[in-house]
């Protein structure tokens, strides 16, 4: 039973975790009544949580108000990645200088990424990877752009969560790419940081395509 104040937020987080982990599969129906009974809350916060999941592209809601887990293909992942590259390179161009507090959060995140890799916790690494990119977007004054970056990161991470059992090598590669990016930002070299972000996105694309080829 969910007992905290933000019932819709709690339901959203639980459902999101089940979708991203693969516990809920593409096409699974999400009936409000069943979910309300399972979580011990009313249908109103469930409805709000489902709308939020739909905004992130994780759920589709039909004209008949039936919610199902959205389908997700290799093409979907690559399309999200194309959007990510456009947004995240532009973000590095327009954000103000990162203050010491944010730099500290990035360093802490990188340390947690490295620890997760060494301990073979790749689902946690993927969440930390997403958090890393959202931290870079945090200083952007445009909330709509930040929401778009969040949604596109969610889409790409959904692809990788389904492949988390084979991420040992590529997780370390991604971590090292993050480290280089932060180094450029620390010395104020925005152009090199933007080039590194483009390189990072290219590498993500190659890794994703490689995993999907293995699955065929």
Protein backbone atom coordinates (compact mmCIF):
# COMPACT_ATOMS: atom_id res chain seq x y z
CA UNK A 1 0.00 0.00 0.00
CA UNK A 2 1.19 3.55 -0.80
CA UNK A 3 0.97 5.70 2.31
CA UNK A 4 2.96 8.84 1.53
CA UNK A 5 1.34 12.17 0.65
CA UNK A 6 2.16 12.29 -3.06
CA UNK A 7 0.11 9.30 -4.07
CA UNK A 8 0.21 10.05 -7.80
CA UNK A 9 3.97 10.54 -7.62
CA UNK A 10 4.44 7.27 -5.76
CA UNK A 11 2.27 5.40 -8.26
CA UNK A 12 4.17 6.99 -11.14
CA UNK A 13 7.54 5.91 -9.76
CA UNK A 14 6.37 2.33 -9.10
CA UNK A 15 4.84 1.92 -12.55
CA UNK A 16 7.81 3.57 -14.25
CA UNK A 17 10.21 1.20 -12.51
CA UNK A 18 8.12 -1.83 -13.56
CA UNK A 19 8.07 -0.66 -17.19
CA UNK A 20 11.75 0.21 -17.41
CA UNK A 21 12.79 -3.05 -15.75
CA UNK A 22 10.70 -5.09 -18.15
CA UNK A 23 8.41 -6.40 -15.41
CA UNK A 24 5.61 -4.80 -17.43
CA UNK A 25 5.94 -5.52 -21.15
CA UNK A 26 4.87 -3.68 -24.27
CA UNK A 27 1.12 -4.05 -24.78
CA UNK A 28 0.31 -4.88 -21.15
CA UNK A 29 -2.92 -3.19 -20.08
CA UNK A 30 -2.89 -0.95 -17.01
CA UNK A 31 -6.47 -0.90 -15.68
CA UNK A 32 -7.06 1.92 -13.21
CA UNK A 33 -9.31 -0.22 -10.99
CA UNK A 34 -6.79 -3.06 -10.64
CA UNK A 35 -3.88 -0.69 -10.00
CA UNK A 36 -5.89 1.26 -7.42
CA UNK A 37 -6.69 -1.95 -5.55
CA UNK A 38 -3.11 -3.18 -5.79
CA UNK A 39 -1.66 0.10 -4.46
CA UNK A 40 -4.45 0.73 -1.94
CA UNK A 41 -5.35 4.17 -3.26
CA UNK A 42 -8.15 5.78 -5.27
CA UNK A 43 -8.27 5.81 -9.05
CA UNK A 44 -7.63 9.58 -9.30
CA UNK A 45 -3.88 9.45 -8.47
CA UNK A 46 -3.54 6.35 -10.66
CA UNK A 47 -5.08 8.29 -13.55
CA UNK A 48 -2.67 11.17 -12.94
CA UNK A 49 0.31 8.79 -12.83
CA UNK A 50 -0.75 7.19 -16.12
CA UNK A 51 -1.03 10.61 -17.78
CA UNK A 52 2.49 11.43 -16.62
CA UNK A 53 3.80 8.12 -17.95
CA UNK A 54 2.09 8.86 -21.26
CA UNK A 55 3.85 12.24 -21.39
CA UNK A 56 7.17 10.36 -21.09
CA UNK A 57 6.19 8.00 -23.89
CA UNK A 58 6.08 4.94 -21.64
CA UNK A 59 2.31 4.47 -21.81
CA UNK A 60 -0.30 5.05 -24.50
CA UNK A 61 -3.88 5.97 -23.63
CA UNK A 62 -6.57 5.23 -26.21
CA UNK A 63 -9.65 7.32 -26.95
CA UNK A 64 -11.51 4.82 -24.78
CA UNK A 65 -9.18 5.79 -21.89
CA UNK A 66 -7.49 2.39 -21.82
CA UNK A 67 -3.81 2.64 -20.84
CA UNK A 68 -1.25 0.14 -22.10
CA UNK A 69 2.53 -0.06 -21.89
CA UNK A 70 3.88 1.53 -25.06
CA UNK A 71 5.69 -0.57 -27.63
CA UNK A 72 9.40 0.07 -28.01
CA UNK A 73 11.67 -0.87 -30.91
CA UNK A 74 15.24 -0.30 -32.01
CA UNK A 75 13.94 2.46 -34.27
CA UNK A 76 12.24 4.12 -31.30
CA UNK A 77 15.51 4.10 -29.36
CA UNK A 78 17.48 5.56 -32.25
CA UNK A 79 14.89 8.29 -32.78
CA UNK A 80 15.09 9.26 -29.10
CA UNK A 81 18.88 9.30 -29.42
CA UNK A 82 18.74 11.65 -32.43
CA UNK A 83 16.62 14.05 -30.38
CA UNK A 84 19.00 13.72 -27.43
CA UNK A 85 22.01 14.70 -29.50
CA UNK A 86 20.34 17.82 -30.85
CA UNK A 87 19.10 18.92 -27.44
CA UNK A 88 22.09 18.02 -25.30
CA UNK A 89 24.73 19.57 -27.55
CA UNK A 90 22.63 22.74 -27.72
CA UNK A 91 22.18 22.65 -23.95
CA UNK A 92 25.95 22.77 -23.44
CA UNK A 93 26.07 25.80 -25.69
CA UNK A 94 23.50 27.87 -23.77
CA UNK A 95 23.74 26.91 -20.09
CA UNK A 96 25.58 29.30 -17.74
CA UNK A 97 28.87 28.30 -16.15
CA UNK A 98 28.40 25.36 -13.83
CA UNK A 99 28.84 26.36 -10.19
CA UNK A 100 30.84 24.43 -7.61
CA UNK A 101 27.72 22.81 -6.16
CA UNK A 102 26.68 21.32 -9.49
CA UNK A 103 30.24 20.25 -10.28
CA UNK A 104 30.26 18.44 -6.94
CA UNK A 105 27.02 16.65 -7.83
CA UNK A 106 28.50 15.59 -11.17
CA UNK A 107 31.64 14.27 -9.44
CA UNK A 108 29.51 12.35 -6.92
CA UNK A 109 27.44 10.92 -9.77
CA UNK A 110 30.56 9.80 -11.65
CA UNK A 111 31.89 8.12 -8.52
CA UNK A 112 28.58 6.29 -8.09
CA UNK A 113 28.63 5.24 -11.76
CA UNK A 114 32.09 3.74 -11.36
CA UNK A 115 31.11 1.93 -8.18
CA UNK A 116 27.96 0.51 -9.81
CA UNK A 117 30.04 -0.85 -12.71
CA UNK A 118 32.62 -2.46 -10.43
CA UNK A 119 29.81 -4.11 -8.46
CA UNK A 120 27.96 -5.30 -11.60
CA UNK A 121 24.85 -3.22 -10.82
CA UNK A 122 24.03 -2.18 -14.38
CA UNK A 123 20.40 -1.28 -13.83
CA UNK A 124 21.62 1.23 -11.22
CA UNK A 125 24.31 2.44 -13.62
CA UNK A 126 21.66 3.20 -16.25
CA UNK A 127 19.69 5.28 -13.74
CA UNK A 128 22.87 7.14 -12.77
CA UNK A 129 23.66 7.70 -16.45
CA UNK A 130 20.24 9.31 -16.90
CA UNK A 131 20.75 11.43 -13.78
CA UNK A 132 24.14 12.59 -15.10
CA UNK A 133 22.59 14.01 -18.26
CA UNK A 134 19.74 15.62 -16.33
CA UNK A 135 22.28 17.32 -14.05
CA UNK A 136 23.89 18.86 -17.12
CA UNK A 137 20.50 20.22 -18.14
CA UNK A 138 19.67 21.53 -14.66
CA UNK A 139 21.09 25.07 -15.15
CA UNK A 140 19.10 25.58 -18.36
CA UNK A 141 16.45 28.26 -17.73
CA UNK A 142 14.03 26.72 -20.26
CA UNK A 143 11.83 24.19 -18.41
CA UNK A 144 10.32 22.84 -21.63
CA UNK A 145 13.76 22.03 -23.04
CA UNK A 146 14.67 20.29 -19.79
CA UNK A 147 11.47 18.23 -19.99
CA UNK A 148 12.35 17.22 -23.56
CA UNK A 149 15.85 16.15 -22.49
CA UNK A 150 14.33 14.14 -19.66
CA UNK A 151 11.85 12.40 -21.97
CA UNK A 152 14.46 11.55 -24.61
CA UNK A 153 16.82 10.18 -21.95
CA UNK A 154 14.00 8.02 -20.61
CA UNK A 155 13.43 6.60 -24.09
CA UNK A 156 17.07 5.71 -24.67
CA UNK A 157 17.47 4.27 -21.18
CA UNK A 158 14.41 2.11 -21.71
CA UNK A 159 16.23 0.50 -24.63
CA UNK A 160 19.35 -0.17 -22.56
CA UNK A 161 17.51 -1.46 -19.50
CA UNK A 162 16.23 -4.32 -21.59
CA UNK A 163 19.83 -5.13 -22.46
CA UNK A 164 21.39 -4.56 -19.03
CA UNK A 165 22.74 -8.10 -18.82
CA UNK A 166 25.31 -7.33 -21.53
CA UNK A 167 26.50 -3.88 -20.51
CA UNK A 168 29.75 -4.75 -18.72
CA UNK A 169 32.16 -3.28 -21.30
CA UNK A 170 30.01 -0.51 -22.73
CA UNK A 171 29.10 0.82 -19.27
CA UNK A 172 32.77 1.50 -18.57
CA UNK A 173 33.14 3.13 -21.98
CA UNK A 174 30.14 5.38 -21.27
CA UNK A 175 31.53 6.27 -17.83
CA UNK A 176 34.90 7.26 -19.33
CA UNK A 177 33.11 9.39 -21.94
CA UNK A 178 31.27 11.15 -19.10
CA UNK A 179 34.53 11.77 -17.26
CA UNK A 180 36.11 13.43 -20.32
CA UNK A 181 33.03 15.60 -20.78
CA UNK A 182 33.18 16.87 -17.20
CA UNK A 183 36.90 17.59 -17.53
CA UNK A 184 36.21 19.92 -20.46
CA UNK A 185 33.44 21.67 -18.54
CA UNK A 186 35.66 22.18 -15.51
CA UNK A 187 38.20 24.13 -17.56
CA UNK A 188 35.49 26.09 -19.37
CA UNK A 189 36.15 24.53 -22.80
CA UNK A 190 32.59 24.49 -24.15
CA UNK A 191 33.53 23.66 -27.74
CA UNK A 192 35.46 20.56 -26.70
CA UNK A 193 32.60 19.62 -24.35
CA UNK A 194 30.14 19.85 -27.26
CA UNK A 195 32.40 17.72 -29.45
CA UNK A 196 32.68 15.18 -26.65
CA UNK A 197 28.89 15.10 -26.27
CA UNK A 198 28.50 14.42 -30.01
CA UNK A 199 31.12 11.69 -29.77
CA UNK A 200 29.31 10.22 -26.73
CA UNK A 201 26.01 10.12 -28.64
CA UNK A 202 27.70 8.44 -31.62
CA UNK A 203 29.16 5.80 -29.31
CA UNK A 204 25.78 5.23 -27.65
CA UNK A 205 24.22 4.71 -31.07
CA UNK A 206 26.88 2.17 -32.04
CA UNK A 207 26.50 0.31 -28.75
CA UNK A 208 22.71 0.22 -29.05
CA UNK A 209 22.80 -1.04 -32.63
CA UNK A 210 25.34 -3.69 -31.66
CA UNK A 211 23.13 -5.02 -28.88
CA UNK A 212 20.10 -5.19 -31.13
CA UNK A 213 22.11 -7.08 -33.75
CA UNK A 214 23.05 -9.63 -31.07
CA UNK A 215 19.35 -10.10 -30.27
CA UNK A 216 18.37 -10.95 -33.87
